[in-house]
Amino acid sequence: MSSGSHTSNNKNSISVLGATAIGVGGMMGAGLYTLIGLATNSAGLWLPLSFLIGGAVAAFSVYSYSKLGMKYPSRGGAAQFLLQGFGDGLLAGGMNVFQYLGWIIAMALYATGFAEYFCQLFNLTDSGWIGKAVSIGIIIVVVFVNILGAKQVARAQTTIIACELIILIAFIAIGLTKAHIPTLTSTYQQHPLGVLSAAGLLYVTYEGFGVVTNAAGSMKNPAKQLPIALYCSLGIVMVIYILSSIVVVTTLGINGAIANQGHALADTGRIIFGNLGFIAIGIAALVATASAVNSTMFGDENLALRISKTDEVPEKFGVMTKVGGTWGLFFTALITCAFVVIFPLSAVGQMASLAFLLVYAMVNAGHLRLYHETNANRTLLILSVVLNLALFALLFYQTIADGNVMTWGSVIGLLVLSFLLEWLWRNHTHQNMHWLGPVPNKK
């Protein structure tokens, strides 16, 4: 029986509401707090449009993921989809290594964002190294949380999401009453490419929708429930992002958002609610970014543990250390700390979005080889690939135009390194990716 027709009688099956909550939690939070000011620098007053464009492009990937998730329900997520689309070869393997590095970059983004808000809340003058020390500190804390066990943190995730929603809804509702809406129709000039490159930058704020597909196997009727949950979660997050951005640009203003780009949302909260608003938004940002670092770190450790058992990565990755936790956990944390030290917030933000735009483009390209099996619309899949690559190209061009050699050079370097490592490891061990499940025979 195909996954599309699969039904579950499990009393603990996930409902549409539960799956939607998972999707909202996977997307909402950390990216909004860390990148809204930076995106304003490119989009100006058109920031809400950039969020809309980014969400619209993500919607095409959501369509692709919903079809893939119904056909191949698995916790492997994008890794499984790449394997199904391209077969067990260097292309799928290299892209999965690149995806792993992309998640590490995302963790560096969240940790750097945590430091920005931490320094503001505690009135610390960040000379550069103070912020980096705070970022490394939260990574270390997360490592210890994973060593001790993250079950309690996982259980608290729903409460965290609910609190964030309440704070952001209050921020939007009251903020819109104080916003100077005519500002949006002013003659402020902004180049269209800036709006589009900002949409590419903000794409990372939507990348968490993939977690919903991991729950497909626990749904009573995934063929019906999964698409509803995916589109509902994306729609909710898009509305929150767009309205939040309207409040920021019409209250804090363009110059204010750019000047306080690492903590623009909290500064807007101060204007709306006074110091109480600044503190509330700041605390919400700390919780969101710390939670994002933890959930990503926890997922990466589990991935390393699973694949180390089949020699996909060195067996050492899955071995427990004397103090607890696997070597894979410490290795991931070490690389994340390196990114935090080397790159500023703007760089890791751009790199994370570039990585996920490319990964999702490749997942959707692989889906084109399977559309007859998933009953997907081929035209929509082609549009998804084209739009993801278009935003990737525009954002990549923007990093070159801005003279950010380390940013675009690092993305190319990491992509090349990913395929080199995969090629070397395959030749050394002669292993494949059978840990992901049945291997399709692709020519």
Protein backbone atom coordinates (compact mmCIF):
# COMPACT_ATOMS: atom_id res chain seq x y z
CA MET A 1 0.00 0.00 0.00
CA SER A 2 1.36 3.41 -0.90
CA SER A 3 1.87 6.03 1.69
CA GLY A 4 -0.71 8.15 0.04
CA SER A 5 -3.44 5.70 0.94
CA HIS A 6 -2.04 4.70 4.27
CA THR A 7 -4.23 5.18 7.30
CA SER A 8 -3.34 4.74 10.92
CA ASN A 9 -5.47 3.54 13.80
CA ASN A 10 -2.92 4.69 16.32
CA LYS A 11 -4.64 6.61 19.11
CA ASN A 12 -1.57 8.81 19.34
CA SER A 13 -1.69 9.79 15.67
CA ILE A 14 -0.99 13.43 14.86
CA SER A 15 -3.96 15.61 13.93
CA VAL A 16 -3.97 18.40 11.35
CA LEU A 17 -3.87 20.92 14.20
CA GLY A 18 -0.91 19.17 15.80
CA ALA A 19 0.98 18.93 12.52
CA THR A 20 0.24 22.60 11.80
CA ALA A 21 1.68 23.51 15.21
CA ILE A 22 4.82 21.52 14.35
CA GLY A 23 5.14 23.46 11.10
CA VAL A 24 4.62 26.85 12.73
CA GLY A 25 7.18 25.94 15.39
CA GLY A 26 9.65 24.78 12.76
CA MET A 27 9.45 28.03 10.80
CA MET A 28 8.54 30.84 13.13
CA GLY A 29 10.88 32.66 15.40
CA ALA A 30 14.63 32.77 15.12
CA GLY A 31 14.91 33.99 11.52
CA LEU A 32 12.36 36.75 12.07
CA TYR A 33 14.21 38.13 15.08
CA THR A 34 17.66 37.97 13.50
CA LEU A 35 17.16 38.96 9.85
CA ILE A 36 14.34 41.51 9.68
CA GLY A 37 16.69 44.46 10.17
CA LEU A 38 19.28 43.14 7.75
CA ALA A 39 16.64 42.57 5.06
CA THR A 40 15.41 46.15 5.49
CA ASN A 41 18.82 47.32 4.31
CA SER A 42 18.09 45.77 0.89
CA ALA A 43 14.30 46.05 0.63
CA GLY A 44 13.60 49.31 2.44
CA LEU A 45 9.87 50.02 2.71
CA TRP A 46 9.21 47.05 0.45
CA LEU A 47 10.23 44.64 3.23
CA PRO A 48 6.68 43.20 3.54
CA LEU A 49 6.77 42.43 -0.20
CA SER A 50 10.08 40.60 0.26
CA PHE A 51 8.49 38.43 2.96
CA LEU A 52 5.56 37.78 0.61
CA ILE A 53 7.83 36.78 -2.29
CA GLY A 54 9.95 34.54 -0.05
CA GLY A 55 6.82 32.84 1.24
CA ALA A 56 5.38 32.44 -2.26
CA VAL A 57 8.57 30.71 -3.45
CA ALA A 58 8.49 28.52 -0.33
CA ALA A 59 4.88 27.58 -1.21
CA PHE A 60 6.09 25.82 -4.36
CA SER A 61 8.55 23.80 -2.29
CA VAL A 62 5.77 23.07 0.20
CA TYR A 63 3.76 21.60 -2.68
CA SER A 64 6.72 19.43 -3.68
CA TYR A 65 7.39 18.32 -0.09
CA SER A 66 3.73 17.47 0.51
CA LYS A 67 3.71 15.13 -2.50
CA LEU A 68 7.05 13.56 -1.53
CA GLY A 69 6.03 13.23 2.11
CA MET A 70 2.84 11.39 1.17
CA LYS A 71 4.70 8.97 -1.09
CA TYR A 72 7.84 8.49 1.03
CA PRO A 73 6.94 9.11 4.70
CA SER A 74 10.25 9.06 6.54
CA ARG A 75 12.25 10.89 9.20
CA GLY A 76 14.97 11.26 6.60
CA GLY A 77 13.29 14.38 5.21
CA ALA A 78 15.23 16.10 2.44
CA ALA A 79 17.99 13.49 2.68
CA GLN A 80 15.49 10.75 1.84
CA PHE A 81 13.94 12.83 -0.95
CA LEU A 82 17.32 13.46 -2.57
CA LEU A 83 18.07 9.74 -2.44
CA GLN A 84 14.73 8.87 -4.03
CA GLY A 85 15.16 11.49 -6.74
CA PHE A 86 18.78 10.97 -7.73
CA GLY A 87 19.55 7.48 -6.46
CA ASP A 88 22.40 6.40 -4.23
CA GLY A 89 25.25 8.30 -5.86
CA LEU A 90 27.67 11.16 -5.44
CA LEU A 91 25.07 13.84 -6.25
CA ALA A 92 22.63 12.88 -3.48
CA GLY A 93 25.46 12.18 -1.04
CA GLY A 94 27.28 15.45 -1.73
CA MET A 95 24.09 17.49 -1.39
CA ASN A 96 23.32 15.79 1.92
CA VAL A 97 26.74 16.71 3.28
CA PHE A 98 26.11 20.28 2.08
CA GLN A 99 22.71 20.21 3.79
CA TYR A 100 24.39 19.14 7.04
CA LEU A 101 26.76 22.12 6.74
CA GLY A 102 23.78 24.34 5.94
CA TRP A 103 22.17 23.40 9.25
CA ILE A 104 25.43 24.23 11.02
CA ILE A 105 25.42 27.66 9.38
CA ALA A 106 21.80 28.10 10.50
CA MET A 107 22.85 27.26 14.07
CA ALA A 108 25.58 29.89 13.83
CA LEU A 109 22.93 32.38 12.67
CA TYR A 110 20.65 31.59 15.60
CA ALA A 111 23.52 31.71 18.11
CA THR A 112 24.71 35.06 16.75
CA GLY A 113 21.15 36.39 16.91
CA PHE A 114 20.90 35.21 20.52
CA ALA A 115 24.04 37.20 21.34
CA GLU A 116 22.66 40.35 19.68
CA TYR A 117 19.55 40.35 21.86
CA PHE A 118 21.43 39.22 24.97
CA CYS A 119 23.84 42.15 24.73
CA GLN A 120 20.97 44.60 24.24
CA LEU A 121 18.87 43.24 27.11
CA PHE A 122 21.78 43.34 29.55
CA ASN A 123 23.15 46.61 28.16
CA LEU A 124 26.50 45.10 27.19
CA THR A 125 28.66 47.10 24.84
CA ASP A 126 29.53 44.57 22.16
CA SER A 127 33.05 45.18 20.92
CA GLY A 128 32.75 42.09 18.72
CA TRP A 129 34.28 39.49 20.99
CA ILE A 130 31.65 39.89 23.72
CA GLY A 131 28.94 38.88 21.27
CA LYS A 132 31.01 35.97 19.97
CA ALA A 133 31.65 34.79 23.53
CA VAL A 134 27.91 34.87 24.26
CA SER A 135 27.22 32.96 21.03
CA ILE A 136 29.73 30.27 21.95
CA GLY A 137 28.27 30.21 25.45
CA ILE A 138 24.76 29.36 24.24
CA ILE A 139 26.19 26.63 21.99
CA ILE A 140 27.98 25.12 25.01
CA VAL A 141 24.77 25.29 27.05
CA VAL A 142 22.89 23.51 24.26
CA VAL A 143 25.56 20.79 24.15
CA PHE A 144 25.06 20.16 27.87
CA VAL A 145 21.27 20.11 27.39
CA ASN A 146 21.70 17.39 24.77
CA ILE A 147 24.08 15.46 27.03
CA LEU A 148 21.58 15.54 29.89
CA GLY A 149 18.67 14.71 27.58
CA ALA A 150 16.44 17.06 25.63
CA LYS A 151 13.08 15.40 26.38
CA GLN A 152 11.96 18.12 28.77
CA VAL A 153 12.97 20.81 26.29
CA ALA A 154 11.01 19.04 23.54
CA ARG A 155 7.93 18.88 25.76
CA ALA A 156 8.23 22.59 26.47
CA GLN A 157 8.38 23.41 22.76
CA THR A 158 4.60 23.75 22.41
CA THR A 159 4.47 26.17 25.35
CA ILE A 160 7.35 28.17 23.88
CA ILE A 161 5.57 28.46 20.52
CA ALA A 162 2.31 29.50 22.21
CA CYS A 163 4.06 32.23 24.22
CA GLU A 164 5.83 33.49 21.11
CA LEU A 165 2.56 33.66 19.19
CA ILE A 166 0.86 35.59 22.00
CA ILE A 167 3.72 38.11 22.18
CA LEU A 168 3.91 38.56 18.40
CA ILE A 169 0.12 38.85 17.99
CA ALA A 170 0.05 41.54 20.69
CA PHE A 171 3.03 43.22 19.00
CA ILE A 172 1.18 43.24 15.67
CA ALA A 173 -2.28 44.17 16.97
CA ILE A 174 -1.16 47.14 19.03
CA GLY A 175 1.70 48.01 16.70
CA LEU A 176 -0.63 48.46 13.73
CA THR A 177 -2.70 50.98 15.71
CA LYS A 178 0.44 53.08 16.23
CA ALA A 179 1.99 52.50 12.83
CA HIS A 180 2.20 55.32 10.31
CA ILE A 181 0.74 53.35 7.41
CA PRO A 182 1.06 56.21 4.84
CA THR A 183 4.81 55.62 5.13
CA LEU A 184 4.33 52.57 2.91
CA THR A 185 3.14 54.79 0.05
CA SER A 186 5.98 57.31 0.31
CA THR A 187 8.34 58.02 -2.58
CA TYR A 188 11.20 56.13 -0.94
CA GLN A 189 13.22 54.62 -3.78
CA GLN A 190 14.51 51.07 -3.67
CA HIS A 191 15.92 49.00 -6.52
CA PRO A 192 13.75 45.97 -7.43
CA LEU A 193 16.82 43.72 -7.20
CA GLY A 194 17.17 44.77 -3.57
CA VAL A 195 13.62 43.62 -2.87
CA LEU A 196 14.26 40.27 -4.56
CA SER A 197 17.63 39.69 -2.90
CA ALA A 198 15.97 40.44 0.45
CA ALA A 199 13.36 37.79 -0.41
CA GLY A 200 16.22 35.36 -0.97
CA LEU A 201 17.78 36.33 2.37
CA LEU A 202 14.46 35.85 4.16
CA TYR A 203 13.91 32.40 2.63
CA VAL A 204 15.67 30.83 5.61
CA THR A 205 12.82 32.10 7.81
CA TYR A 206 10.52 29.63 6.01
CA GLU A 207 12.86 26.63 5.69
CA GLY A 208 11.46 24.81 8.73
CA PHE A 209 8.33 23.59 6.94
CA GLY A 210 10.09 20.32 6.09
CA VAL A 211 9.69 19.07 9.67
CA VAL A 212 5.97 18.50 9.02
CA THR A 213 6.72 15.83 6.40
CA ASN A 214 8.57 13.85 9.07
CA ALA A 215 5.23 13.40 10.86
CA ALA A 216 3.43 11.98 7.82
CA GLY A 217 3.85 8.40 9.03
CA SER A 218 2.01 9.26 12.25
CA MET A 219 -1.07 10.71 10.53
CA LYS A 220 -4.34 8.79 10.10
CA ASN A 221 -4.75 10.03 6.54
CA PRO A 222 -1.52 11.70 5.34
CA ALA A 223 -2.81 12.12 1.78
CA LYS A 224 -5.44 14.54 3.09
CA GLN A 225 -3.91 15.86 6.31
CA LEU A 226 -0.30 16.55 5.27
CA PRO A 227 -1.01 19.16 2.55
CA ILE A 228 -3.52 20.96 4.80
CA ALA A 229 -1.02 21.10 7.67
CA LEU A 230 1.80 22.30 5.42
CA TYR A 231 -0.19 25.07 3.75
CA CYS A 232 -1.87 26.19 6.98
CA SER A 233 1.45 26.46 8.83
CA LEU A 234 3.03 28.37 5.94
CA GLY A 235 0.02 30.69 5.68
CA ILE A 236 0.02 31.48 9.42
CA VAL A 237 3.75 32.21 9.43
CA MET A 238 3.54 34.37 6.28
CA VAL A 239 0.80 36.54 7.80
CA ILE A 240 2.79 37.01 11.02
CA TYR A 241 5.98 37.86 9.12
CA ILE A 242 4.32 40.32 6.74
CA LEU A 243 2.36 42.14 9.46
CA SER A 244 5.42 42.24 11.75
CA SER A 245 7.50 43.77 8.96
CA ILE A 246 4.81 46.41 8.32
CA VAL A 247 4.92 47.37 12.00
CA VAL A 248 8.74 47.61 11.95
CA VAL A 249 9.11 49.77 8.83
CA THR A 250 6.21 52.08 9.76
CA THR A 251 7.15 52.45 13.43
CA LEU A 252 10.89 52.09 13.82
CA GLY A 253 11.50 53.36 10.29
CA ILE A 254 14.01 52.33 7.64
CA ASN A 255 17.01 54.05 9.18
CA GLY A 256 16.14 52.77 12.64
CA ALA A 257 15.77 49.19 11.43
CA ILE A 258 19.10 49.35 9.59
CA ALA A 259 20.93 50.95 12.52
CA ASN A 260 19.58 48.30 14.91
CA GLN A 261 19.45 45.45 12.42
CA GLY A 262 20.51 42.74 14.87
CA HIS A 263 17.66 43.56 17.27
CA ALA A 264 15.20 45.66 15.26
CA LEU A 265 12.12 43.83 16.53
CA ALA A 266 12.94 44.57 20.18
CA ASP A 267 13.58 48.25 19.43
CA THR A 268 10.20 48.43 17.70
CA GLY A 269 8.67 46.81 20.77
CA ARG A 270 10.16 49.59 22.92
CA ILE A 271 8.45 52.24 20.77
CA ILE A 272 5.09 50.46 21.04
CA PHE A 273 5.08 49.27 24.67
CA GLY A 274 7.99 51.14 26.25
CA ASN A 275 10.73 49.25 28.09
CA LEU A 276 8.30 46.44 28.90
CA GLY A 277 7.88 45.80 25.17
CA PHE A 278 11.63 45.84 24.62
CA ILE A 279 12.12 43.28 27.40
CA ALA A 280 9.21 41.06 26.27
CA ILE A 281 10.36 40.94 22.63
CA GLY A 282 13.96 40.51 23.77
CA ILE A 283 13.12 37.54 25.98
CA ALA A 284 10.99 36.01 23.21
CA ALA A 285 13.96 36.39 20.85
CA LEU A 286 16.33 34.74 23.34
CA VAL A 287 13.98 31.79 23.81
CA ALA A 288 13.34 31.45 20.06
CA THR A 289 17.00 31.56 19.05
CA ALA A 290 18.16 29.27 21.87
CA SER A 291 15.37 26.81 21.05
CA ALA A 292 16.35 26.89 17.36
CA VAL A 293 19.98 26.11 18.20
CA ASN A 294 18.89 23.24 20.45
CA SER A 295 16.43 21.62 18.04
CA THR A 296 18.92 21.81 15.16
CA MET A 297 21.77 20.47 17.28
CA PHE A 298 19.58 17.63 18.58
CA GLY A 299 18.56 16.68 15.05
CA ASP A 300 22.14 16.72 13.78
CA GLU A 301 23.32 14.51 16.66
CA ASN A 302 20.60 11.94 15.94
CA LEU A 303 21.49 12.00 12.25
CA ALA A 304 25.18 11.44 13.01
CA LEU A 305 24.32 8.59 15.39
CA ARG A 306 22.15 6.80 12.83
CA ILE A 307 24.52 7.04 9.89
CA SER A 308 27.62 6.20 11.93
CA LYS A 309 26.12 2.75 12.53
CA THR A 310 26.26 2.05 8.79
CA ASP A 311 29.71 3.57 8.14
CA GLU A 312 28.30 6.55 6.26
CA VAL A 313 30.48 8.74 8.46
CA PRO A 314 33.34 7.67 10.73
CA GLU A 315 32.06 5.30 13.41
CA LYS A 316 33.55 7.65 16.01
CA PHE A 317 30.65 10.04 15.33
CA GLY A 318 28.22 7.70 17.08
CA VAL A 319 30.49 6.73 19.98
CA MET A 320 29.60 8.15 23.38
CA THR A 321 32.26 10.20 25.13
CA LYS A 322 33.24 9.78 28.79
CA VAL A 323 31.30 12.92 29.75
CA GLY A 324 28.22 11.90 27.76
CA GLY A 325 27.04 12.87 24.31
CA THR A 326 28.45 11.56 21.06
CA TRP A 327 31.60 12.68 19.28
CA GLY A 328 29.30 13.81 16.48
CA LEU A 329 27.60 16.23 18.86
CA PHE A 330 30.91 17.80 19.90
CA PHE A 331 32.18 17.92 16.31
CA THR A 332 29.02 19.70 15.17
CA ALA A 333 29.25 22.17 18.05
CA LEU A 334 32.92 22.85 17.31
CA ILE A 335 32.25 23.68 13.65
CA THR A 336 29.31 25.89 14.67
CA CYS A 337 31.58 27.81 17.05
CA ALA A 338 34.09 28.27 14.23
CA PHE A 339 31.40 29.84 12.01
CA VAL A 340 30.34 32.12 14.88
CA VAL A 341 33.91 33.35 15.37
CA ILE A 342 34.68 33.84 11.68
CA PHE A 343 31.44 35.31 10.30
CA PRO A 344 29.20 38.22 11.37
CA LEU A 345 25.40 38.03 11.51
CA SER A 346 24.93 39.35 7.97
CA ALA A 347 27.27 36.73 6.49
CA VAL A 348 25.79 33.68 8.23
CA GLY A 349 22.30 34.92 7.35
CA GLN A 350 23.14 35.11 3.66
CA MET A 351 25.04 31.81 3.70
CA ALA A 352 22.18 29.95 5.42
CA SER A 353 19.62 31.19 2.91
CA LEU A 354 21.90 30.40 -0.04
CA ALA A 355 22.43 26.87 1.28
CA PHE A 356 18.73 26.11 1.74
CA LEU A 357 17.70 27.69 -1.56
CA LEU A 358 20.14 25.37 -3.32
CA VAL A 359 19.17 22.28 -1.31
CA TYR A 360 15.45 22.80 -1.90
CA ALA A 361 16.05 23.47 -5.59
CA MET A 362 17.87 20.14 -5.82
CA VAL A 363 15.15 18.29 -3.88
CA ASN A 364 12.55 19.66 -6.29
CA ALA A 365 14.76 18.86 -9.29
CA GLY A 366 14.98 15.28 -8.06
CA HIS A 367 11.20 15.27 -7.65
CA LEU A 368 10.90 15.96 -11.39
CA ARG A 369 12.22 12.43 -11.94
CA LEU A 370 9.49 11.04 -9.69
CA TYR A 371 6.45 13.18 -10.52
CA HIS A 372 4.69 10.26 -12.22
CA GLU A 373 5.02 8.29 -8.95
CA THR A 374 3.88 11.12 -6.66
CA ASN A 375 1.15 12.41 -9.01
CA ALA A 376 2.69 15.88 -8.78
CA ASN A 377 2.13 18.62 -11.34
CA ARG A 378 5.29 18.78 -13.45
CA THR A 379 4.84 22.47 -14.28
CA LEU A 380 4.65 23.43 -10.60
CA LEU A 381 7.81 21.44 -9.89
CA ILE A 382 9.66 23.19 -12.73
CA LEU A 383 8.51 26.56 -11.39
CA SER A 384 9.73 25.58 -7.93
CA VAL A 385 13.20 24.73 -9.23
CA VAL A 386 13.39 27.90 -11.34
CA LEU A 387 12.19 30.21 -8.54
CA ASN A 388 14.52 28.71 -5.94
CA LEU A 389 17.49 29.01 -8.31
CA ALA A 390 16.45 32.55 -9.29
CA LEU A 391 16.43 33.72 -5.66
CA PHE A 392 19.71 31.89 -5.10
CA ALA A 393 21.27 33.69 -8.09
CA LEU A 394 19.96 37.10 -7.00
CA LEU A 395 21.16 36.72 -3.42
CA PHE A 396 24.49 35.35 -4.62
CA TYR A 397 24.84 38.34 -6.96
CA GLN A 398 24.01 40.68 -4.07
CA THR A 399 26.81 39.21 -1.94
CA ILE A 400 29.25 39.73 -4.83
CA ALA A 401 28.01 43.29 -5.46
CA ASP A 402 28.40 44.09 -1.75
CA GLY A 403 31.99 42.86 -1.88
CA ASN A 404 31.35 40.05 0.61
CA VAL A 405 34.05 37.78 -0.80
CA MET A 406 34.17 35.58 2.31
CA THR A 407 30.42 35.01 2.13
CA TRP A 408 30.02 33.87 -1.46
CA GLY A 409 33.48 32.31 -1.52
CA SER A 410 32.65 30.23 1.55
CA VAL A 411 29.40 28.97 0.00
CA ILE A 412 31.26 27.79 -3.10
CA GLY A 413 34.04 26.34 -0.96
CA LEU A 414 31.61 24.43 1.27
CA LEU A 415 29.76 23.06 -1.75
CA VAL A 416 33.00 21.82 -3.32
CA LEU A 417 34.17 20.46 0.04
CA SER A 418 30.89 18.57 0.50
CA PHE A 419 31.28 16.66 -2.75
CA LEU A 420 34.99 16.11 -2.17
CA LEU A 421 34.37 14.62 1.29
CA GLU A 422 31.56 12.44 -0.05
CA TRP A 423 33.74 11.19 -2.91
CA LEU A 424 36.68 10.44 -0.63
CA TRP A 425 34.53 8.64 1.94
CA ARG A 426 32.72 6.56 -0.68
CA ASN A 427 36.01 5.49 -2.21
CA HIS A 428 37.42 4.70 1.23
CA THR A 429 34.48 2.67 2.59
CA HIS A 430 32.55 1.68 -0.54
CA GLN A 431 29.39 2.42 1.43
CA ASN A 432 26.07 3.81 0.27
CA MET A 433 23.14 5.55 1.92
CA HIS A 434 21.15 2.41 2.74
CA TRP A 435 20.46 3.84 6.20
CA LEU A 436 17.83 6.05 4.60
CA GLY A 437 15.73 3.12 3.43
CA PRO A 438 15.16 1.29 0.14
CA VAL A 439 17.53 2.55 -2.53
CA PRO A 440 15.87 3.35 -5.85
CA ASN A 441 17.58 2.30 -9.06
CA LYS A 442 18.16 5.54 -10.95
CA LYS A 443 19.93 5.70 -14.26
